[in-house]
Amino acid sequence: MASATDGFLLFDSNLNAIEVDAAAMELFALKKQDVIGKNISQIWSDVDKDGRYAAYLEVMNTGKPFFNEDTVPHPEAGKLHLAVRTFKVGDCLGMIASDVTLQKRKEEERKKLEV
């Protein structure tokens, strides 16, 4: 997992972070000590506001994966566009985040040219 380019996070059944890889720390501009043991709502304060928290609980209850796209601020790269897949792993919640910023920027440029 250390060489993966997609970010991986693992949360326990109460949605407390128990693992985060280097790619996720880079994507979300987080430090491991600021993530491990914290509830997902402490890591991302807006998770309750947009329905993602309820969607993550639904994944835990049903095992049905959840996919969403999100934007996150990054201190060096500006705004990143992420494709996030959330799924059940045993009694835990797994999350894989892929940086799709380049594709989104290309789509935006293409839309501007079409107008």
Protein backbone atom coordinates (compact mmCIF):
# COMPACT_ATOMS: atom_id res chain seq x y z
CA MET A 1 0.00 0.00 0.00
CA ALA A 2 2.91 2.35 0.56
CA SER A 3 3.45 2.67 -3.19
CA ALA A 4 -0.22 3.21 -4.09
CA THR A 5 -1.05 6.46 -5.86
CA ASP A 6 -4.65 6.47 -4.58
CA GLY A 7 -5.26 7.43 -0.98
CA PHE A 8 -6.57 4.77 1.40
CA LEU A 9 -8.22 5.32 4.77
CA LEU A 10 -9.74 2.76 7.11
CA PHE A 11 -12.31 3.55 9.80
CA ASP A 12 -13.65 1.32 12.55
CA SER A 13 -17.38 0.62 12.98
CA ASN A 14 -17.79 3.94 14.86
CA LEU A 15 -16.13 5.79 11.96
CA ASN A 16 -12.93 6.48 13.88
CA ALA A 17 -9.80 6.45 11.70
CA ILE A 18 -7.56 3.45 12.29
CA GLU A 19 -5.30 3.62 9.21
CA VAL A 20 -4.27 6.17 6.60
CA ASP A 21 -1.66 5.73 3.90
CA ALA A 22 0.89 8.25 2.62
CA ALA A 23 -1.10 8.98 -0.55
CA ALA A 24 -4.20 9.92 1.46
CA MET A 25 -2.15 12.15 3.73
CA GLU A 26 -0.80 13.93 0.65
CA LEU A 27 -4.21 14.23 -1.08
CA PHE A 28 -6.00 15.55 1.99
CA ALA A 29 -2.99 17.50 3.35
CA LEU A 30 -3.24 15.59 6.63
CA LYS A 31 -0.74 14.25 9.14
CA LYS A 32 -1.14 10.74 10.51
CA GLN A 33 -1.18 11.96 14.12
CA ASP A 34 -4.05 14.33 13.23
CA VAL A 35 -6.15 11.48 11.80
CA ILE A 36 -5.67 8.23 13.69
CA GLY A 37 -8.24 7.80 16.48
CA LYS A 38 -10.35 10.73 15.31
CA ASN A 39 -13.93 10.38 14.14
CA ILE A 40 -14.54 11.11 10.47
CA SER A 41 -16.59 14.17 11.49
CA GLN A 42 -13.56 15.56 13.36
CA ILE A 43 -11.36 15.07 10.29
CA TRP A 44 -13.85 16.60 7.84
CA SER A 45 -16.26 18.93 9.62
CA ASP A 46 -18.57 19.23 6.59
CA VAL A 47 -19.23 15.48 6.38
CA ASP A 48 -22.44 15.88 8.42
CA LYS A 49 -23.74 18.79 6.35
CA ASP A 50 -23.86 17.18 2.92
CA GLY A 51 -25.21 13.74 3.80
CA ARG A 52 -21.96 11.82 3.50
CA TYR A 53 -21.94 10.78 7.15
CA ALA A 54 -25.34 9.13 6.73
CA ALA A 55 -24.14 7.53 3.48
CA TYR A 56 -21.08 6.09 5.25
CA LEU A 57 -23.30 4.65 8.00
CA GLU A 58 -25.48 3.13 5.27
CA VAL A 59 -22.41 1.43 3.81
CA MET A 60 -21.66 -0.02 7.26
CA ASN A 61 -25.26 -1.23 7.68
CA THR A 62 -25.89 -2.63 4.19
CA GLY A 63 -22.46 -3.34 2.72
CA LYS A 64 -23.49 -1.45 -0.42
CA PRO A 65 -20.57 0.72 -1.67
CA PHE A 66 -20.91 4.48 -2.01
CA PHE A 67 -19.23 6.69 -4.62
CA ASN A 68 -18.96 10.45 -4.62
CA GLU A 69 -16.87 13.21 -6.08
CA ASP A 70 -15.56 15.90 -3.80
CA THR A 71 -13.32 18.94 -3.87
CA VAL A 72 -10.83 19.58 -1.12
CA PRO A 73 -8.47 22.49 -0.54
CA HIS A 74 -4.79 21.67 -0.71
CA PRO A 75 -2.11 24.06 0.55
CA GLU A 76 0.20 23.48 -2.43
CA ALA A 77 -2.05 22.35 -5.28
CA GLY A 78 -5.05 24.60 -4.65
CA LYS A 79 -8.40 22.86 -5.06
CA LEU A 80 -8.24 19.12 -5.74
CA HIS A 81 -11.06 17.11 -7.31
CA LEU A 82 -11.31 13.63 -5.83
CA ALA A 83 -13.27 10.53 -6.76
CA VAL A 84 -13.99 8.72 -3.50
CA ARG A 85 -15.11 5.10 -3.21
CA THR A 86 -16.33 3.92 0.18
CA PHE A 87 -16.95 0.26 0.97
CA LYS A 88 -17.26 -2.18 3.84
CA VAL A 89 -14.14 -4.12 4.87
CA GLY A 90 -15.12 -6.70 7.49
CA ASP A 91 -16.49 -4.59 10.35
CA CYS A 92 -14.70 -1.48 9.05
CA LEU A 93 -15.24 1.22 6.45
CA GLY A 94 -12.65 1.54 3.71
CA MET A 95 -12.20 4.63 1.60
CA ILE A 96 -10.13 5.04 -1.56
CA ALA A 97 -9.63 8.55 -2.94
CA SER A 98 -8.30 9.19 -6.45
CA ASP A 99 -7.11 12.57 -7.67
CA VAL A 100 -9.17 13.43 -10.77
CA THR A 101 -8.19 17.12 -10.84
CA LEU A 102 -6.52 16.96 -14.25
CA GLN A 103 -9.55 15.29 -15.85
CA LYS A 104 -11.91 17.86 -14.25
CA ARG A 105 -9.78 20.76 -15.47
CA LYS A 106 -9.79 19.32 -18.98
CA GLU A 107 -13.59 18.97 -18.85
CA GLU A 108 -13.92 22.58 -17.70
CA GLU A 109 -11.64 23.79 -20.50
CA ARG A 110 -13.60 21.76 -23.06
CA LYS A 111 -16.88 23.30 -21.81
CA LYS A 112 -15.41 26.81 -22.11
CA LEU A 113 -14.38 26.12 -25.70
CA GLU A 114 -17.87 24.82 -26.58
CA VAL A 115 -19.56 28.08 -25.52
